[in-house]
Protein backbone atom coordinates (compact mmCIF):
# COMPACT_ATOMS: atom_id res chain seq x y z
CA UNK A 1 125.64 -14.92 128.35
CA UNK A 2 125.82 -12.57 125.68
CA UNK A 3 123.56 -12.75 122.46
CA UNK A 4 124.63 -10.77 119.62
CA UNK A 5 122.32 -8.38 117.84
CA UNK A 6 122.80 -9.86 114.54
CA UNK A 7 121.91 -13.52 115.99
CA UNK A 8 118.72 -11.95 117.62
CA UNK A 9 117.66 -10.24 114.06
CA UNK A 10 118.55 -13.58 112.29
CA UNK A 11 116.47 -15.65 114.59
CA UNK A 12 113.68 -13.29 114.24
CA UNK A 13 113.64 -13.67 110.43
CA UNK A 14 114.49 -17.33 110.27
CA UNK A 15 112.80 -18.76 113.40
CA UNK A 16 109.42 -17.79 112.41
CA UNK A 17 109.63 -18.90 108.79
CA UNK A 18 108.94 -22.24 107.35
CA UNK A 19 111.45 -24.11 105.25
CA UNK A 20 110.35 -22.77 101.94
CA UNK A 21 110.61 -19.16 103.24
CA UNK A 22 114.11 -19.69 104.43
CA UNK A 23 115.18 -21.30 101.18
CA UNK A 24 113.70 -18.37 99.31
CA UNK A 25 115.48 -15.76 101.47
CA UNK A 26 118.87 -17.64 101.26
CA UNK A 27 118.72 -17.69 97.37
CA UNK A 28 117.74 -14.17 97.19
CA UNK A 29 120.58 -13.03 99.67
CA UNK A 30 122.96 -15.23 97.39
CA UNK A 31 121.55 -13.41 94.35
CA UNK A 32 122.15 -10.09 96.00
CA UNK A 33 125.66 -10.97 97.02
CA UNK A 34 126.53 -12.05 93.47
CA UNK A 35 124.65 -8.91 92.12
CA UNK A 36 126.85 -6.67 94.33
CA UNK A 37 130.06 -8.40 93.22
CA UNK A 38 129.31 -7.82 89.69
CA UNK A 39 128.27 -4.17 90.21
CA UNK A 40 131.69 -3.80 92.05
CA UNK A 41 133.56 -5.16 89.01
CA UNK A 42 131.45 -3.03 86.64
CA UNK A 43 132.17 0.00 88.59
CA UNK A 44 135.88 -0.51 88.81
CA UNK A 45 136.00 -1.32 85.02
CA UNK A 46 134.16 1.96 84.26
CA UNK A 47 136.62 3.98 86.57
CA UNK A 48 139.60 2.62 84.61
CA UNK A 49 138.25 3.11 81.19
CA UNK A 50 137.43 6.94 80.43
CA UNK A 51 135.67 6.21 77.10
CA UNK A 52 133.14 3.98 78.74
CA UNK A 53 132.68 6.41 81.61
CA UNK A 54 131.93 9.22 79.08
CA UNK A 55 129.60 7.08 77.21
CA UNK A 56 127.32 6.42 80.10
CA UNK A 57 127.16 9.96 81.28
CA UNK A 58 126.63 11.28 77.63
CA UNK A 59 123.60 8.87 77.41
CA UNK A 60 121.85 10.72 80.26
CA UNK A 61 122.69 14.18 78.64
CA UNK A 62 121.42 13.02 75.19
CA UNK A 63 118.11 11.86 76.85
CA UNK A 64 117.82 15.23 78.61
CA UNK A 65 118.58 17.21 75.24
CA UNK A 66 116.09 15.20 73.36
CA UNK A 67 113.34 15.86 75.83
CA UNK A 68 114.22 19.45 75.44
CA UNK A 69 113.85 19.36 71.69
CA UNK A 70 110.47 17.44 72.09
CA UNK A 71 109.13 20.01 74.44
CA UNK A 72 110.08 22.83 71.99
CA UNK A 73 108.41 20.86 69.10
CA UNK A 74 105.25 20.61 71.13
CA UNK A 75 105.40 24.41 71.98
CA UNK A 76 106.17 25.39 68.35
CA UNK A 77 109.30 27.03 69.27
CA UNK A 78 112.61 26.72 67.22
CA UNK A 79 113.39 23.08 68.22
CA UNK A 80 115.86 22.83 65.09
CA UNK A 81 117.89 25.48 66.64
CA UNK A 82 118.18 23.60 69.95
CA UNK A 83 119.09 20.43 68.19
CA UNK A 84 121.80 22.29 66.08
CA UNK A 85 123.09 23.80 69.38
CA UNK A 86 123.21 20.36 71.09
CA UNK A 87 124.91 18.70 68.04
CA UNK A 88 127.66 21.31 67.99
CA UNK A 89 127.99 21.07 71.78
CA UNK A 90 128.58 17.37 71.25
CA UNK A 91 131.16 18.13 68.63
CA UNK A 92 132.98 20.44 70.81
CA UNK A 93 132.99 17.90 73.74
CA UNK A 94 134.47 15.34 71.13
CA UNK A 95 137.14 17.88 70.17
CA UNK A 96 137.97 18.39 73.86
CA UNK A 97 138.38 14.65 74.37
CA UNK A 98 140.57 14.31 71.30
CA UNK A 99 142.78 17.18 72.32
CA UNK A 100 143.02 15.91 75.79
CA UNK A 101 144.06 12.28 74.59
CA UNK A 102 146.66 13.56 72.17
CA UNK A 103 149.88 14.60 74.16
CA UNK A 104 151.22 16.90 71.26
CA UNK A 105 148.27 19.31 71.63
CA UNK A 106 149.27 22.68 73.07
CA UNK A 107 147.57 23.26 76.31
CA UNK A 108 146.80 26.90 74.92
CA UNK A 109 144.63 25.16 72.15
CA UNK A 110 142.83 23.08 74.65
CA UNK A 111 142.06 26.12 76.87
CA UNK A 112 140.70 27.87 73.55
CA UNK A 113 138.57 24.89 72.68
CA UNK A 114 137.04 24.76 76.22
CA UNK A 115 136.38 28.68 76.24
CA UNK A 116 134.71 28.27 72.76
CA UNK A 117 132.63 25.22 74.00
CA UNK A 118 131.43 27.42 77.28
CA UNK A 119 130.56 30.51 74.65
CA UNK A 120 128.65 27.98 72.80
CA UNK A 121 126.70 26.53 75.77
CA UNK A 122 125.90 30.23 76.81
CA UNK A 123 124.76 31.17 73.23
CA UNK A 124 121.08 32.16 73.20
CA UNK A 125 118.79 30.37 70.58
CA UNK A 126 117.83 33.85 69.21
CA UNK A 127 121.48 34.64 68.24
CA UNK A 128 122.68 31.06 67.29
CA UNK A 129 121.78 31.20 63.76
CA UNK A 130 123.91 34.26 62.80
CA UNK A 131 126.88 32.84 65.10
CA UNK A 132 126.80 29.26 64.29
CA UNK A 133 129.01 29.68 61.15
CA UNK A 134 131.63 31.02 63.38
CA UNK A 135 131.41 27.94 65.85
CA UNK A 136 131.43 25.66 62.81
CA UNK A 137 134.65 27.27 61.29
CA UNK A 138 136.31 27.13 64.57
CA UNK A 139 135.35 23.53 65.30
CA UNK A 140 136.84 22.61 61.82
CA UNK A 141 140.12 24.64 62.59
CA UNK A 142 140.48 22.81 66.01
CA UNK A 143 139.80 19.53 64.45
CA UNK A 144 142.63 20.18 61.88
CA UNK A 145 145.08 21.35 64.72
CA UNK A 146 144.41 18.25 66.55
CA UNK A 147 144.58 15.97 63.70
CA UNK A 148 147.95 17.49 62.31
CA UNK A 149 149.89 17.70 65.65
CA UNK A 150 152.92 15.38 66.16
CA UNK A 151 155.54 15.01 68.71
């Protein structure tokens, strides 16, 4: 007679419990299964909708950025510069998404926007004040290019 491993484990938990404990376990297992099914549907929805996916990941990024700004406020460093930098990083991220979603945007423009975004991310806080007007001007130019493209 062969007894399966699952049956032994199940009997271990179920046989030594009274009726209330078994009902409690069954209800919680059912809740877990329902939760896993809903989680699976949520995951598949997020994978098929890029805007939802971006909003979830950007939420974590915003929390991190706010924590950095708060720490710099506490240490009396230039927290406004960090906030400006993060705001324009977000602007460039939105420009990249807009350019990606529009089919008429030239791939060279998209590459240029990505390179400018990476330069902005590498920009030091000390040099940001003197270079920020250039990034603002470029962002406006890119936005106009994206808005005015047509196929």
